[in-house]
Amino acid sequence: MKVVHYDNPGPPEVMKLIEKEIPKPGNDEILVKVRSAGVNRPDLIQREGNYPPPKGHSEILGLEISGVISKIGKDVKKFKVNDKVAALVDGGGYAEYCITNERQTFLIPKNLSFEEASGIPECFFTVWSNLVNRGNLKKNQKVLVHGGTSGIGLAALQTLKLFNATTITTVGSAKKKEFCEKIGVDLVINYNECDFFEEIKKNEIGNVDMILDYIGGDYISKNLNLLKNDGSLINIGFQKGSKVELNLIKVMLKRLVITGSTLRIRESSFKGKILEELQKNVFPNFENRKIKCYIDSVFKLEDVVEAHKRLDEKKHIGKVILNI
């Protein structure tokens, strides 16, 4: 089978296609003939040498796939050969075949293409785990999501609407601002035109209950100042750096919660519980199209270098997808 490989970490150009043997599924595993794979920021960081796969995980890039089941392990009960599925995988997605765990795999919701389905797992698992489970999201709260047109951002903004939340987001261009306004975000701020902190403070929305942030750096102090008493700052990344100077007295006086997590290193049972909640609360909304997997662009597997460059440009709106 063809897989994306690189000999040494580096820029997108280090990636190339090579031939490898098709893997064999274990007893509780599934072999999927991949049709599409999502491209995510962790893939780029791993390619650069800054995010090595956890022990026991595939070193091949790719954390989410869709496709058709080719083989199943003897203990797999929920699926059969030729089922159309998508999965959150432990690496290995940039390939013609990929192994996934039964607990992290699901039948593709009705009315979704392979491309759309491959863009669901990484973002929606992450968002539900952090906003709903860790953040204890409640109805009618005010929530700020940084980077609203990323895969994570769009998953978060749409999930928040299921809770009747007032949604605020930051974006980097007029085009992205217009897109977010069209899908119903309550307040969209172009951070290249104004300071998001000042814009929110002067807006009638006022302080917020929760913030989902993968930017970090100088955003962190502003985030803490924007939170209400008993508010929560949820960190899932630090594109502008994780080392900052903070006045923690604000955390104490406002009774704030600062939390963060990474999904990749968690066990399959943990991911399986998230999947069960998504299947109950989110997937029906894919089928009736109240929630969408917005796709920015689709690339062939042999054009993976261009796919990574597209994500690096930070001009995308929605998911970048590889077609296998």
Protein backbone atom coordinates (compact mmCIF):
# COMPACT_ATOMS: atom_id res chain seq x y z
CA MET A 1 0.00 0.00 0.00
CA LYS A 2 1.02 3.63 -0.48
CA VAL A 3 1.73 5.70 2.65
CA VAL A 4 3.06 9.17 3.34
CA HIS A 5 6.55 8.96 4.84
CA TYR A 6 9.43 11.24 5.76
CA ASP A 7 12.96 10.23 6.69
CA ASN A 8 13.66 13.27 8.87
CA PRO A 9 11.41 15.97 10.34
CA GLY A 10 11.18 19.25 8.47
CA PRO A 11 9.06 21.39 6.14
CA PRO A 12 6.22 19.95 4.02
CA GLU A 13 8.66 18.96 1.28
CA VAL A 14 10.16 16.18 3.43
CA MET A 15 7.03 14.08 2.83
CA LYS A 16 6.93 11.48 0.07
CA LEU A 17 4.97 8.38 -0.90
CA ILE A 18 6.49 4.97 -0.26
CA GLU A 19 5.20 1.39 -0.37
CA LYS A 20 4.57 -0.57 2.84
CA GLU A 21 2.86 -3.83 3.66
CA ILE A 22 -0.84 -3.68 4.50
CA PRO A 23 -1.16 -3.99 8.30
CA LYS A 24 -3.10 -6.83 9.95
CA PRO A 25 -5.82 -6.01 12.48
CA GLY A 26 -5.59 -7.31 16.03
CA ASN A 27 -8.47 -9.05 17.79
CA ASP A 28 -10.35 -5.84 18.63
CA GLU A 29 -9.18 -3.90 15.60
CA ILE A 30 -10.49 -3.08 12.15
CA LEU A 31 -8.63 -2.69 8.86
CA VAL A 32 -10.12 0.13 6.82
CA LYS A 33 -9.49 0.75 3.14
CA VAL A 34 -9.15 4.51 3.43
CA ARG A 35 -11.16 6.79 1.18
CA SER A 36 -10.41 10.14 2.87
CA ALA A 37 -8.26 11.44 5.72
CA GLY A 38 -8.43 14.71 7.60
CA VAL A 39 -5.38 16.97 7.85
CA ASN A 40 -4.89 18.50 11.29
CA ARG A 41 -2.47 20.83 13.01
CA PRO A 42 -0.97 17.97 15.10
CA ASP A 43 0.07 16.33 11.80
CA LEU A 44 2.07 19.43 10.92
CA ILE A 45 3.68 19.60 14.35
CA GLN A 46 4.59 15.90 14.19
CA ARG A 47 6.09 16.36 10.73
CA GLU A 48 8.21 19.18 12.12
CA GLY A 49 9.54 16.85 14.83
CA ASN A 50 7.78 18.53 17.75
CA TYR A 51 4.99 16.04 18.49
CA PRO A 52 6.22 12.43 18.42
CA PRO A 53 3.49 9.76 18.42
CA PRO A 54 2.81 8.12 21.80
CA LYS A 55 4.26 4.68 22.45
CA GLY A 56 2.35 2.03 20.53
CA HIS A 57 0.83 4.49 18.05
CA SER A 58 1.58 4.46 14.32
CA GLU A 59 4.35 6.79 13.20
CA ILE A 60 2.46 7.44 9.96
CA LEU A 61 0.69 10.81 9.97
CA GLY A 62 -3.08 11.08 10.09
CA LEU A 63 -5.48 11.00 13.06
CA GLU A 64 -8.88 10.66 11.36
CA ILE A 65 -10.16 8.67 8.40
CA SER A 66 -13.19 7.44 6.54
CA GLY A 67 -13.45 4.42 4.31
CA VAL A 68 -14.73 0.88 3.88
CA ILE A 69 -13.97 -2.00 6.23
CA SER A 70 -11.65 -4.54 4.61
CA LYS A 71 -11.04 -6.94 7.54
CA ILE A 72 -12.09 -7.25 11.17
CA GLY A 73 -10.49 -8.88 14.21
CA LYS A 74 -12.18 -11.90 15.76
CA ASP A 75 -13.46 -9.92 18.77
CA VAL A 76 -15.07 -7.12 16.74
CA LYS A 77 -18.85 -7.30 17.16
CA LYS A 78 -20.28 -3.97 16.02
CA PHE A 79 -19.06 -3.95 12.43
CA LYS A 80 -18.75 -6.15 9.37
CA VAL A 81 -16.69 -6.15 6.18
CA ASN A 82 -17.81 -3.50 3.64
CA ASP A 83 -19.35 -1.21 6.28
CA LYS A 84 -18.75 2.46 5.51
CA VAL A 85 -17.10 3.93 8.59
CA ALA A 86 -15.09 6.81 9.98
CA ALA A 87 -12.70 6.69 12.90
CA LEU A 88 -10.44 8.57 15.26
CA VAL A 89 -7.21 6.66 14.74
CA ASP A 90 -3.91 6.33 16.59
CA GLY A 91 -1.95 7.56 13.59
CA GLY A 92 -1.70 5.89 10.20
CA GLY A 93 -4.38 7.87 8.37
CA TYR A 94 -2.21 9.04 5.45
CA ALA A 95 -2.26 5.64 3.81
CA GLU A 96 -4.33 3.39 1.57
CA TYR A 97 -5.14 1.14 4.54
CA CYS A 98 -5.35 2.01 8.23
CA ILE A 99 -5.91 0.14 11.49
CA THR A 100 -8.49 1.48 13.93
CA ASN A 101 -9.84 0.36 17.29
CA GLU A 102 -13.49 -0.75 17.35
CA ARG A 103 -14.28 1.68 20.18
CA GLN A 104 -13.07 4.66 18.13
CA THR A 105 -14.96 3.73 14.96
CA PHE A 106 -18.49 4.63 13.82
CA LEU A 107 -20.78 4.13 10.86
CA ILE A 108 -20.83 7.22 8.67
CA PRO A 109 -23.94 9.27 9.45
CA LYS A 110 -26.55 9.33 6.71
CA ASN A 111 -26.22 11.98 3.99
CA LEU A 112 -22.47 12.48 4.54
CA SER A 113 -19.75 11.92 1.95
CA PHE A 114 -16.47 10.17 2.73
CA GLU A 115 -14.75 13.59 2.64
CA GLU A 116 -17.16 15.09 5.17
CA ALA A 117 -17.03 12.04 7.44
CA SER A 118 -13.22 12.06 7.56
CA GLY A 119 -13.33 15.60 8.96
CA ILE A 120 -15.50 14.72 11.95
CA PRO A 121 -13.46 12.65 14.44
CA GLU A 122 -10.49 14.76 15.55
CA CYS A 123 -12.40 18.03 15.88
CA PHE A 124 -15.72 16.87 17.30
CA PHE A 125 -14.15 14.40 19.76
CA THR A 126 -11.84 17.19 20.96
CA VAL A 127 -14.59 19.79 21.23
CA TRP A 128 -17.06 17.57 23.06
CA SER A 129 -14.41 16.31 25.47
CA ASN A 130 -13.27 19.82 26.36
CA LEU A 131 -16.37 22.01 26.22
CA VAL A 132 -18.97 19.56 27.48
CA ASN A 133 -17.07 17.11 29.66
CA ARG A 134 -14.20 19.18 31.07
CA GLY A 135 -15.88 22.56 30.77
CA ASN A 136 -19.26 21.38 32.06
CA LEU A 137 -21.02 23.44 29.39
CA LYS A 138 -24.55 24.52 30.36
CA LYS A 139 -27.44 25.96 28.40
CA ASN A 140 -27.43 29.66 27.50
CA GLN A 141 -23.84 30.40 28.46
CA LYS A 142 -21.58 32.91 26.71
CA VAL A 143 -18.56 31.25 25.11
CA LEU A 144 -15.55 32.63 23.24
CA VAL A 145 -13.87 30.35 20.70
CA HIS A 146 -10.57 31.52 19.26
CA GLY A 147 -9.91 30.68 15.60
CA GLY A 148 -13.51 30.21 14.54
CA THR A 149 -12.89 29.03 10.96
CA SER A 150 -10.50 26.21 11.86
CA GLY A 151 -11.83 22.67 12.01
CA ILE A 152 -11.87 22.89 15.81
CA GLY A 153 -13.44 26.33 15.74
CA LEU A 154 -16.31 25.37 13.45
CA ALA A 155 -16.96 22.17 15.40
CA ALA A 156 -17.05 24.17 18.64
CA LEU A 157 -19.31 26.95 17.34
CA GLN A 158 -21.83 24.46 15.97
CA THR A 159 -21.77 22.32 19.13
CA LEU A 160 -22.37 25.43 21.23
CA LYS A 161 -25.55 26.19 19.31
CA LEU A 162 -26.95 22.85 20.54
CA PHE A 163 -26.73 24.42 24.01
CA ASN A 164 -28.25 27.75 22.92
CA ALA A 165 -24.98 29.46 23.75
CA THR A 166 -24.13 33.04 22.85
CA THR A 167 -21.11 32.55 20.60
CA ILE A 168 -18.13 34.85 20.11
CA THR A 169 -15.15 34.07 17.92
CA THR A 170 -11.93 35.59 16.62
CA VAL A 171 -10.76 35.31 12.99
CA GLY A 172 -7.95 36.75 10.89
CA SER A 173 -9.63 38.14 7.75
CA ALA A 174 -12.73 39.85 6.43
CA LYS A 175 -13.60 36.72 4.44
CA LYS A 176 -13.50 34.56 7.55
CA LYS A 177 -15.54 37.11 9.49
CA GLU A 178 -18.22 37.12 6.81
CA PHE A 179 -18.34 33.31 6.82
CA CYS A 180 -18.82 33.10 10.58
CA GLU A 181 -21.52 35.75 10.52
CA LYS A 182 -23.37 33.80 7.81
CA ILE A 183 -23.45 30.64 9.92
CA GLY A 184 -24.93 32.53 12.86
CA VAL A 185 -22.07 33.39 15.21
CA ASP A 186 -23.27 36.18 17.50
CA LEU A 187 -20.08 38.26 17.57
CA VAL A 188 -17.16 37.86 15.16
CA ILE A 189 -13.94 39.83 15.69
CA ASN A 190 -11.17 40.25 13.14
CA TYR A 191 -8.09 40.32 15.36
CA ASN A 192 -6.08 41.99 12.59
CA GLU A 193 -8.38 45.01 12.70
CA CYS A 194 -8.95 45.41 16.43
CA ASP A 195 -8.02 44.00 19.82
CA PHE A 196 -10.45 41.18 20.62
CA PHE A 197 -10.25 41.98 24.35
CA GLU A 198 -11.27 45.62 23.90
CA GLU A 199 -13.96 44.70 21.37
CA ILE A 200 -15.63 42.22 23.71
CA LYS A 201 -15.35 44.49 26.75
CA LYS A 202 -17.18 47.33 25.00
CA ASN A 203 -19.81 45.03 23.46
CA GLU A 204 -23.10 44.44 25.27
CA ILE A 205 -22.25 40.72 25.48
CA GLY A 206 -19.87 41.53 28.32
CA ASN A 207 -17.76 38.95 30.14
CA VAL A 208 -18.01 35.29 29.17
CA ASP A 209 -18.53 31.97 30.94
CA MET A 210 -16.02 29.92 29.00
CA ILE A 211 -13.15 30.31 26.52
CA LEU A 212 -11.74 27.64 24.20
CA ASP A 213 -8.21 28.60 23.18
CA TYR A 214 -5.42 26.99 21.17
CA ILE A 215 -3.46 30.24 20.66
CA GLY A 216 -1.91 30.86 24.08
CA GLY A 217 0.83 33.48 24.45
CA ASP A 218 -0.51 36.96 25.18
CA TYR A 219 -4.07 35.67 24.73
CA ILE A 220 -3.95 33.90 28.10
CA SER A 221 -3.95 37.00 30.31
CA LYS A 222 -6.66 38.62 28.19
CA ASN A 223 -8.71 35.45 28.41
CA LEU A 224 -8.59 35.46 32.20
CA ASN A 225 -9.68 39.09 32.30
CA LEU A 226 -12.64 38.36 30.02
CA LEU A 227 -14.03 35.54 32.14
CA LYS A 228 -16.91 35.97 34.57
CA ASN A 229 -16.68 34.79 38.15
CA ASP A 230 -16.55 30.96 38.15
CA GLY A 231 -15.60 31.00 34.46
CA SER A 232 -13.40 28.45 32.69
CA LEU A 233 -10.42 28.79 30.38
CA ILE A 234 -9.89 25.63 28.37
CA ASN A 235 -6.53 25.31 26.63
CA ILE A 236 -6.05 22.82 23.79
CA GLY A 237 -2.95 24.31 22.17
CA PHE A 238 -0.39 27.09 22.32
CA GLN A 239 0.44 28.38 18.86
CA LYS A 240 1.86 31.60 20.35
CA GLY A 241 3.63 29.84 23.20
CA SER A 242 2.82 28.23 26.55
CA LYS A 243 5.19 30.17 28.81
CA VAL A 244 3.63 33.41 30.06
CA GLU A 245 3.59 35.63 33.12
CA LEU A 246 0.26 35.62 34.96
CA ASN A 247 -1.26 37.38 37.93
CA LEU A 248 -2.91 34.38 39.57
CA ILE A 249 -4.68 36.53 42.15
CA LYS A 250 -7.32 37.04 39.45
CA VAL A 251 -7.88 33.30 39.29
CA MET A 252 -8.42 33.19 43.04
CA LEU A 253 -10.65 36.25 43.31
CA LYS A 254 -12.85 35.25 40.36
CA ARG A 255 -12.82 31.52 41.26
CA LEU A 256 -11.67 30.65 37.75
CA VAL A 257 -10.87 27.22 36.39
CA ILE A 258 -7.92 26.83 34.02
CA THR A 259 -7.75 23.45 32.37
CA GLY A 260 -6.35 21.72 29.33
CA SER A 261 -6.02 18.32 27.76
CA THR A 262 -4.67 16.30 24.87
CA LEU A 263 -6.85 13.62 23.35
CA ARG A 264 -4.25 11.58 21.52
CA ILE A 265 -2.65 9.95 24.56
CA ARG A 266 -5.94 8.94 26.17
CA GLU A 267 -6.99 5.29 26.20
CA SER A 268 -9.52 3.82 23.76
CA SER A 269 -12.15 3.40 26.48
CA PHE A 270 -12.06 7.16 27.14
CA LYS A 271 -12.42 7.95 23.44
CA GLY A 272 -15.19 5.38 23.16
CA LYS A 273 -17.24 7.16 25.82
CA ILE A 274 -16.90 10.43 23.93
CA LEU A 275 -18.06 8.67 20.77
CA GLU A 276 -21.16 7.35 22.55
CA GLU A 277 -22.09 10.89 23.59
CA LEU A 278 -21.48 12.24 20.09
CA GLN A 279 -23.63 9.52 18.55
CA LYS A 280 -26.47 10.47 20.89
CA ASN A 281 -26.22 14.25 20.81
CA VAL A 282 -24.36 15.38 17.68
CA PHE A 283 -24.55 12.80 14.89
CA PRO A 284 -28.34 13.13 14.41
CA ASN A 285 -27.66 16.78 13.60
CA PHE A 286 -25.25 15.73 10.85
CA GLU A 287 -28.01 13.67 9.32
CA ASN A 288 -30.53 16.53 9.31
CA ARG A 289 -27.76 18.96 8.24
CA LYS A 290 -28.13 21.25 11.26
CA ILE A 291 -24.42 20.60 11.80
CA LYS A 292 -21.98 20.35 8.90
CA CYS A 293 -18.39 19.37 8.34
CA TYR A 294 -17.25 22.37 6.33
CA ILE A 295 -14.55 21.47 3.82
CA ASP A 296 -12.03 24.04 2.68
CA SER A 297 -10.15 21.95 0.12
CA VAL A 298 -9.50 18.37 -1.01
CA PHE A 299 -6.10 17.07 -2.18
CA LYS A 300 -4.95 13.77 -3.59
CA LEU A 301 -2.65 11.69 -1.40
CA GLU A 302 0.27 12.41 -3.73
CA ASP A 303 -0.37 16.13 -3.19
CA VAL A 304 0.03 15.91 0.58
CA VAL A 305 2.78 18.55 0.50
CA GLU A 306 0.30 21.08 -0.89
CA ALA A 307 -2.30 20.04 1.67
CA HIS A 308 0.09 20.81 4.53
CA LYS A 309 1.04 24.11 2.92
CA ARG A 310 -2.64 25.03 2.74
CA LEU A 311 -3.01 24.50 6.47
CA ASP A 312 0.25 26.35 7.14
CA GLU A 313 -1.06 29.40 5.26
CA LYS A 314 -3.89 29.76 7.82
CA LYS A 315 -6.23 30.95 5.08
CA HIS A 316 -8.45 27.86 5.16
CA ILE A 317 -12.08 27.89 6.23
CA GLY A 318 -12.98 24.43 7.46
CA LYS A 319 -11.21 21.14 6.95
CA VAL A 320 -8.38 20.25 4.59
CA ILE A 321 -8.93 16.69 3.35
CA LEU A 322 -6.81 14.07 1.60
CA ASN A 323 -8.51 11.76 -0.87
CA ILE A 324 -6.84 8.39 -0.95
